[in-house]
């Protein structure tokens, strides 16, 4: 296990809270909006963040 893991967990928790604040501030219709570039809707992009959260949590549990 890395010695910097507690700091990593704290940073990860802070970043997750920031994303939670952003999503809470968005009106529901914003999730269907596409950025003015070729992209998926914002809601679909947020699902990628959910997947990342799951991967980070799994890595931390495994001591990565």
PDB file of N, CA and C in Angstrom:
ATOM      1  N   UNK A   1       0.848  -1.175   0.000  1.00  0.00           N
ATOM      2  CA  UNK A   1       0.000   0.000   0.000  1.00  0.00           C
ATOM      3  C   UNK A   1       0.893   1.238   0.000  1.00  0.00           C
ATOM      4  N   UNK A   2       0.532   2.233  -0.793  1.00  0.00           N
ATOM      5  CA  UNK A   2       1.310   3.466  -0.864  1.00  0.00           C
ATOM      6  C   UNK A   2       1.078   4.315   0.386  1.00  0.00           C
ATOM      7  N   UNK A   3       2.118   5.011   0.807  1.00  0.00           N
ATOM      8  CA  UNK A   3       1.996   5.838   2.004  1.00  0.00           C
ATOM      9  C   UNK A   3       1.157   7.081   1.769  1.00  0.00           C
ATOM     10  N   UNK A   4       0.982   7.477   0.503  1.00  0.00           N
ATOM     11  CA  UNK A   4       0.200   8.683   0.232  1.00  0.00           C
ATOM     12  C   UNK A   4      -1.284   8.382   0.040  1.00  0.00           C
ATOM     13  N   UNK A   5      -1.705   7.173   0.311  1.00  0.00           N
ATOM     14  CA  UNK A   5      -3.099   6.805   0.093  1.00  0.00           C
ATOM     15  C   UNK A   5      -4.089   7.683   0.856  1.00  0.00           C
ATOM     16  N   UNK A   6      -3.877   7.996   2.140  1.00  0.00           N
ATOM     17  CA  UNK A   6      -4.855   8.864   2.817  1.00  0.00           C
ATOM     18  C   UNK A   6      -5.013  10.216   2.122  1.00  0.00           C
ATOM     19  N   UNK A   7      -3.911  10.787   1.636  1.00  0.00           N
ATOM     20  CA  UNK A   7      -4.016  12.046   0.895  1.00  0.00           C
ATOM     21  C   UNK A   7      -4.795  11.838  -0.402  1.00  0.00           C
ATOM     22  N   UNK A   8      -4.563  10.718  -1.063  1.00  0.00           N
ATOM     23  CA  UNK A   8      -5.279  10.416  -2.293  1.00  0.00           C
ATOM     24  C   UNK A   8      -6.771  10.278  -2.035  1.00  0.00           C
ATOM     25  N   UNK A   9      -7.126   9.618  -0.948  1.00  0.00           N
ATOM     26  CA  UNK A   9      -8.532   9.444  -0.595  1.00  0.00           C
ATOM     27  C   UNK A   9      -9.167  10.799  -0.315  1.00  0.00           C
ATOM     28  N   UNK A  10      -8.465  11.654   0.414  1.00  0.00           N
ATOM     29  CA  UNK A  10      -8.990  12.985   0.711  1.00  0.00           C
ATOM     30  C   UNK A  10      -9.187  13.817  -0.541  1.00  0.00           C
ATOM     31  N   UNK A  11      -8.213  13.776  -1.443  1.00  0.00           N
ATOM     32  CA  UNK A  11      -8.337  14.530  -2.708  1.00  0.00           C
ATOM     33  C   UNK A  11      -9.489  13.988  -3.538  1.00  0.00           C
ATOM     34  N   UNK A  12      -9.596  12.666  -3.592  1.00  0.00           N
ATOM     35  CA  UNK A  12     -10.677  12.054  -4.349  1.00  0.00           C
ATOM     36  C   UNK A  12     -12.031  12.436  -3.772  1.00  0.00           C
ATOM     37  N   UNK A  13     -12.157  12.419  -2.465  1.00  0.00           N
ATOM     38  CA  UNK A  13     -13.415  12.804  -1.820  1.00  0.00           C
ATOM     39  C   UNK A  13     -13.753  14.262  -2.119  1.00  0.00           C
ATOM     40  N   UNK A  14     -12.754  15.131  -2.099  1.00  0.00           N
ATOM     41  CA  UNK A  14     -12.985  16.547  -2.413  1.00  0.00           C
ATOM     42  C   UNK A  14     -13.449  16.713  -3.854  1.00  0.00           C
ATOM     43  N   UNK A  15     -12.781  16.028  -4.777  1.00  0.00           N
ATOM     44  CA  UNK A  15     -13.169  16.130  -6.188  1.00  0.00           C
ATOM     45  C   UNK A  15     -14.574  15.582  -6.425  1.00  0.00           C
ATOM     46  N   UNK A  16     -14.905  14.486  -5.773  1.00  0.00           N
ATOM     47  CA  UNK A  16     -16.255  13.925  -5.924  1.00  0.00           C
ATOM     48  C   UNK A  16     -17.303  14.894  -5.406  1.00  0.00           C
ATOM     49  N   UNK A  17     -17.017  15.542  -4.291  1.00  0.00           N
ATOM     50  CA  UNK A  17     -17.955  16.515  -3.734  1.00  0.00           C
ATOM     51  C   UNK A  17     -18.135  17.692  -4.687  1.00  0.00           C
ATOM     52  N   UNK A  18     -17.065  18.104  -5.346  1.00  0.00           N
ATOM     53  CA  UNK A  18     -17.167  19.215  -6.292  1.00  0.00           C
ATOM     54  C   UNK A  18     -18.053  18.828  -7.478  1.00  0.00           C
ATOM     55  N   UNK A  19     -17.895  17.594  -7.993  1.00  0.00           N
ATOM     56  CA  UNK A  19     -18.754  17.136  -9.086  1.00  0.00           C
ATOM     57  C   UNK A  19     -20.202  17.049  -8.623  1.00  0.00           C
ATOM     58  N   UNK A  20     -20.411  16.571  -7.403  1.00  0.00           N
ATOM     59  CA  UNK A  20     -21.778  16.498  -6.862  1.00  0.00           C
ATOM     60  C   UNK A  20     -22.411  17.884  -6.807  1.00  0.00           C
ATOM     61  N   UNK A  21     -21.636  18.885  -6.392  1.00  0.00           N
ATOM     62  CA  UNK A  21     -22.147  20.260  -6.336  1.00  0.00           C
ATOM     63  C   UNK A  21     -22.510  20.766  -7.729  1.00  0.00           C
ATOM     64  N   UNK A  22     -21.660  20.466  -8.704  1.00  0.00           N
ATOM     65  CA  UNK A  22     -21.924  20.897 -10.080  1.00  0.00           C
ATOM     66  C   UNK A  22     -23.216  20.273 -10.603  1.00  0.00           C
ATOM     67  N   UNK A  23     -23.351  18.966 -10.430  1.00  0.00           N
ATOM     68  CA  UNK A  23     -24.543  18.274 -10.935  1.00  0.00           C
ATOM     69  C   UNK A  23     -25.795  18.787 -10.234  1.00  0.00           C
ATOM     70  N   UNK A  24     -25.711  19.038  -8.932  1.00  0.00           N
ATOM     71  CA  UNK A  24     -26.871  19.549  -8.188  1.00  0.00           C
ATOM     72  C   UNK A  24     -27.298  20.924  -8.689  1.00  0.00           C
ATOM     73  N   UNK A  25     -26.352  21.693  -9.227  1.00  0.00           N
ATOM     74  CA  UNK A  25     -26.667  23.037  -9.711  1.00  0.00           C
ATOM     75  C   UNK A  25     -27.249  23.038 -11.122  1.00  0.00           C
ATOM     76  N   UNK A  26     -27.136  21.930 -11.826  1.00  0.00           N
ATOM     77  CA  UNK A  26     -27.646  21.863 -13.202  1.00  0.00           C
ATOM     78  C   UNK A  26     -29.145  21.586 -13.210  1.00  0.00           C
ATOM     79  N   UNK A  27     -29.884  22.300 -14.036  1.00  0.00           N
ATOM     80  CA  UNK A  27     -31.300  21.934 -14.194  1.00  0.00           C
ATOM     81  C   UNK A  27     -31.380  20.604 -14.951  1.00  0.00           C
ATOM     82  N   UNK A  28     -32.393  19.801 -14.702  1.00  0.00           N
ATOM     83  CA  UNK A  28     -32.480  18.478 -15.337  1.00  0.00           C
ATOM     84  C   UNK A  28     -32.346  18.518 -16.863  1.00  0.00           C
ATOM     85  N   UNK A  29     -32.897  19.534 -17.498  1.00  0.00           N
ATOM     86  CA  UNK A  29     -32.818  19.586 -18.962  1.00  0.00           C
ATOM     87  C   UNK A  29     -31.390  19.787 -19.467  1.00  0.00           C
ATOM     88  N   UNK A  30     -30.503  20.259 -18.613  1.00  0.00           N
ATOM     89  CA  UNK A  30     -29.107  20.459 -19.019  1.00  0.00           C
ATOM     90  C   UNK A  30     -28.418  19.128 -19.317  1.00  0.00           C
ATOM     91  N   UNK A  31     -28.885  18.061 -18.701  1.00  0.00           N
ATOM     92  CA  UNK A  31     -28.257  16.762 -18.910  1.00  0.00           C
ATOM     93  C   UNK A  31     -28.422  16.266 -20.337  1.00  0.00           C
ATOM     94  N   UNK A  32     -29.435  16.732 -21.049  1.00  0.00           N
ATOM     95  CA  UNK A  32     -29.644  16.345 -22.443  1.00  0.00           C
ATOM     96  C   UNK A  32     -28.920  17.273 -23.411  1.00  0.00           C
ATOM     97  N   UNK A  33     -28.319  18.324 -22.906  1.00  0.00           N
ATOM     98  CA  UNK A  33     -27.655  19.326 -23.738  1.00  0.00           C
ATOM     99  C   UNK A  33     -26.313  18.816 -24.242  1.00  0.00           C
ATOM    100  N   UNK A  34     -26.018  19.185 -25.477  1.00  0.00           N
ATOM    101  CA  UNK A  34     -24.699  18.901 -26.038  1.00  0.00           C
ATOM    102  C   UNK A  34     -23.889  20.181 -26.031  1.00  0.00           C
ATOM    103  N   UNK A  35     -22.612  20.052 -25.814  1.00  0.00           N
ATOM    104  CA  UNK A  35     -21.723  21.209 -25.889  1.00  0.00           C
ATOM    105  C   UNK A  35     -21.636  21.665 -27.347  1.00  0.00           C
ATOM    106  N   UNK A  36     -21.204  22.898 -27.606  1.00  0.00           N
ATOM    107  CA  UNK A  36     -21.158  23.392 -28.986  1.00  0.00           C
ATOM    108  C   UNK A  36     -19.976  22.826 -29.782  1.00  0.00           C
ATOM    109  N   UNK A  37     -19.596  21.625 -29.436  1.00  0.00           N
ATOM    110  CA  UNK A  37     -18.591  20.877 -30.184  1.00  0.00           C
ATOM    111  C   UNK A  37     -19.153  19.480 -30.372  1.00  0.00           C
ATOM    112  N   UNK A  38     -18.524  18.697 -31.183  1.00  0.00           N
ATOM    113  CA  UNK A  38     -18.991  17.327 -31.385  1.00  0.00           C
ATOM    114  C   UNK A  38     -18.791  16.554 -30.079  1.00  0.00           C
ATOM    115  N   UNK A  39     -19.889  16.189 -29.443  1.00  0.00           N
ATOM    116  CA  UNK A  39     -19.780  15.527 -28.139  1.00  0.00           C
ATOM    117  C   UNK A  39     -21.062  14.774 -27.810  1.00  0.00           C
ATOM    118  N   UNK A  40     -20.975  13.961 -26.783  1.00  0.00           N
ATOM    119  CA  UNK A  40     -22.157  13.322 -26.220  1.00  0.00           C
ATOM    120  C   UNK A  40     -22.896  14.341 -25.364  1.00  0.00           C
ATOM    121  N   UNK A  41     -24.175  14.079 -25.067  1.00  0.00           N
ATOM    122  CA  UNK A  41     -24.884  14.956 -24.133  1.00  0.00           C
ATOM    123  C   UNK A  41     -24.167  14.990 -22.781  1.00  0.00           C
ATOM    124  N   UNK A  42     -24.359  16.052 -22.048  1.00  0.00           N
ATOM    125  CA  UNK A  42     -23.696  16.220 -20.759  1.00  0.00           C
ATOM    126  C   UNK A  42     -24.009  15.056 -19.822  1.00  0.00           C
ATOM    127  N   UNK A  43     -25.249  14.592 -19.818  1.00  0.00           N
ATOM    128  CA  UNK A  43     -25.610  13.465 -18.954  1.00  0.00           C
ATOM    129  C   UNK A  43     -24.808  12.215 -19.273  1.00  0.00           C
ATOM    130  N   UNK A  44     -24.584  11.939 -20.561  1.00  0.00           N
ATOM    131  CA  UNK A  44     -23.788  10.769 -20.953  1.00  0.00           C
ATOM    132  C   UNK A  44     -22.335  10.938 -20.523  1.00  0.00           C
ATOM    133  N   UNK A  45     -21.829  12.156 -20.605  1.00  0.00           N
ATOM    134  CA  UNK A  45     -20.461  12.406 -20.159  1.00  0.00           C
ATOM    135  C   UNK A  45     -20.336  12.193 -18.650  1.00  0.00           C
ATOM    136  N   UNK A  46     -21.379  12.562 -17.915  1.00  0.00           N
ATOM    137  CA  UNK A  46     -21.350  12.364 -16.473  1.00  0.00           C
ATOM    138  C   UNK A  46     -21.334  10.878 -16.111  1.00  0.00           C
ATOM    139  N   UNK A  47     -21.941  10.031 -16.962  1.00  0.00           N
ATOM    140  CA  UNK A  47     -21.877   8.592 -16.699  1.00  0.00           C
ATOM    141  C   UNK A  47     -20.435   8.101 -16.762  1.00  0.00           C
ATOM    142  N   UNK A  48     -19.617   8.717 -17.614  1.00  0.00           N
ATOM    143  CA  UNK A  48     -18.192   8.362 -17.660  1.00  0.00           C
ATOM    144  C   UNK A  48     -17.519   8.705 -16.332  1.00  0.00           C
ATOM    145  N   UNK A  49     -17.925   9.815 -15.734  1.00  0.00           N
ATOM    146  CA  UNK A  49     -17.369  10.197 -14.436  1.00  0.00           C
ATOM    147  C   UNK A  49     -17.775   9.180 -13.376  1.00  0.00           C
ATOM    148  N   UNK A  50     -19.016   8.709 -13.435  1.00  0.00           N
ATOM    149  CA  UNK A  50     -19.468   7.679 -12.499  1.00  0.00           C
ATOM    150  C   UNK A  50     -18.592   6.432 -12.642  1.00  0.00           C
ATOM    151  N   UNK A  51     -18.314   6.035 -13.870  1.00  0.00           N
ATOM    152  CA  UNK A  51     -17.445   4.879 -14.095  1.00  0.00           C
ATOM    153  C   UNK A  51     -16.051   5.103 -13.536  1.00  0.00           C
ATOM    154  N   UNK A  52     -15.530   6.311 -13.706  1.00  0.00           N
ATOM    155  CA  UNK A  52     -14.224   6.639 -13.148  1.00  0.00           C
ATOM    156  C   UNK A  52     -14.221   6.551 -11.633  1.00  0.00           C
ATOM    157  N   UNK A  53     -15.282   7.036 -11.019  1.00  0.00           N
ATOM    158  CA  UNK A  53     -15.391   6.955  -9.556  1.00  0.00           C
ATOM    159  C   UNK A  53     -15.336   5.506  -9.098  1.00  0.00           C
ATOM    160  N   UNK A  54     -16.052   4.656  -9.795  1.00  0.00           N
ATOM    161  CA  UNK A  54     -16.053   3.237  -9.426  1.00  0.00           C
ATOM    162  C   UNK A  54     -14.666   2.634  -9.587  1.00  0.00           C
ATOM    163  N   UNK A  55     -13.967   3.006 -10.659  1.00  0.00           N
ATOM    164  CA  UNK A  55     -12.613   2.492 -10.881  1.00  0.00           C
ATOM    165  C   UNK A  55     -11.653   2.986  -9.821  1.00  0.00           C
ATOM    166  N   UNK A  56     -11.735   4.272  -9.472  1.00  0.00           N
ATOM    167  CA  UNK A  56     -10.854   4.824  -8.437  1.00  0.00           C
ATOM    168  C   UNK A  56     -11.108   4.143  -7.094  1.00  0.00           C
ATOM    169  N   UNK A  57     -12.383   3.952  -6.765  1.00  0.00           N
ATOM    170  CA  UNK A  57     -12.709   3.310  -5.489  1.00  0.00           C
ATOM    171  C   UNK A  57     -12.172   1.891  -5.450  1.00  0.00           C
ATOM    172  N   UNK A  58     -12.313   1.161  -6.547  1.00  0.00           N
ATOM    173  CA  UNK A  58     -11.805  -0.210  -6.610  1.00  0.00           C
ATOM    174  C   UNK A  58     -10.280  -0.220  -6.465  1.00  0.00           C
ATOM    175  N   UNK A  59      -9.596   0.699  -7.147  1.00  0.00           N
ATOM    176  CA  UNK A  59      -8.131   0.769  -7.051  1.00  0.00           C
ATOM    177  C   UNK A  59      -7.684   1.086  -5.629  1.00  0.00           C
ATOM    178  N   UNK A  60      -8.393   2.001  -4.964  1.00  0.00           N
ATOM    179  CA  UNK A  60      -8.025   2.333  -3.587  1.00  0.00           C
ATOM    180  C   UNK A  60      -8.234   1.147  -2.650  1.00  0.00           C
ATOM    181  N   UNK A  61      -9.330   0.403  -2.866  1.00  0.00           N
ATOM    182  CA  UNK A  61      -9.579  -0.775  -2.040  1.00  0.00           C
ATOM    183  C   UNK A  61      -8.471  -1.817  -2.226  1.00  0.00           C
ATOM    184  N   UNK A  62      -7.960  -1.904  -3.461  1.00  0.00           N
ATOM    185  CA  UNK A  62      -6.938  -2.900  -3.775  1.00  0.00           C
ATOM    186  C   UNK A  62      -5.540  -2.400  -3.453  1.00  0.00           C
ATOM    187  N   UNK A  63      -5.430  -1.160  -2.988  1.00  0.00           N
ATOM    188  CA  UNK A  63      -4.128  -0.642  -2.572  1.00  0.00           C
ATOM    189  C   UNK A  63      -3.291  -0.061  -3.679  1.00  0.00           C
ATOM    190  N   UNK A  64      -3.907   0.247  -4.798  1.00  0.00           N
ATOM    191  CA  UNK A  64      -3.153   0.811  -5.931  1.00  0.00           C
ATOM    192  C   UNK A  64      -2.767   2.250  -5.675  1.00  0.00           C
TER     193      UNK A  64
END
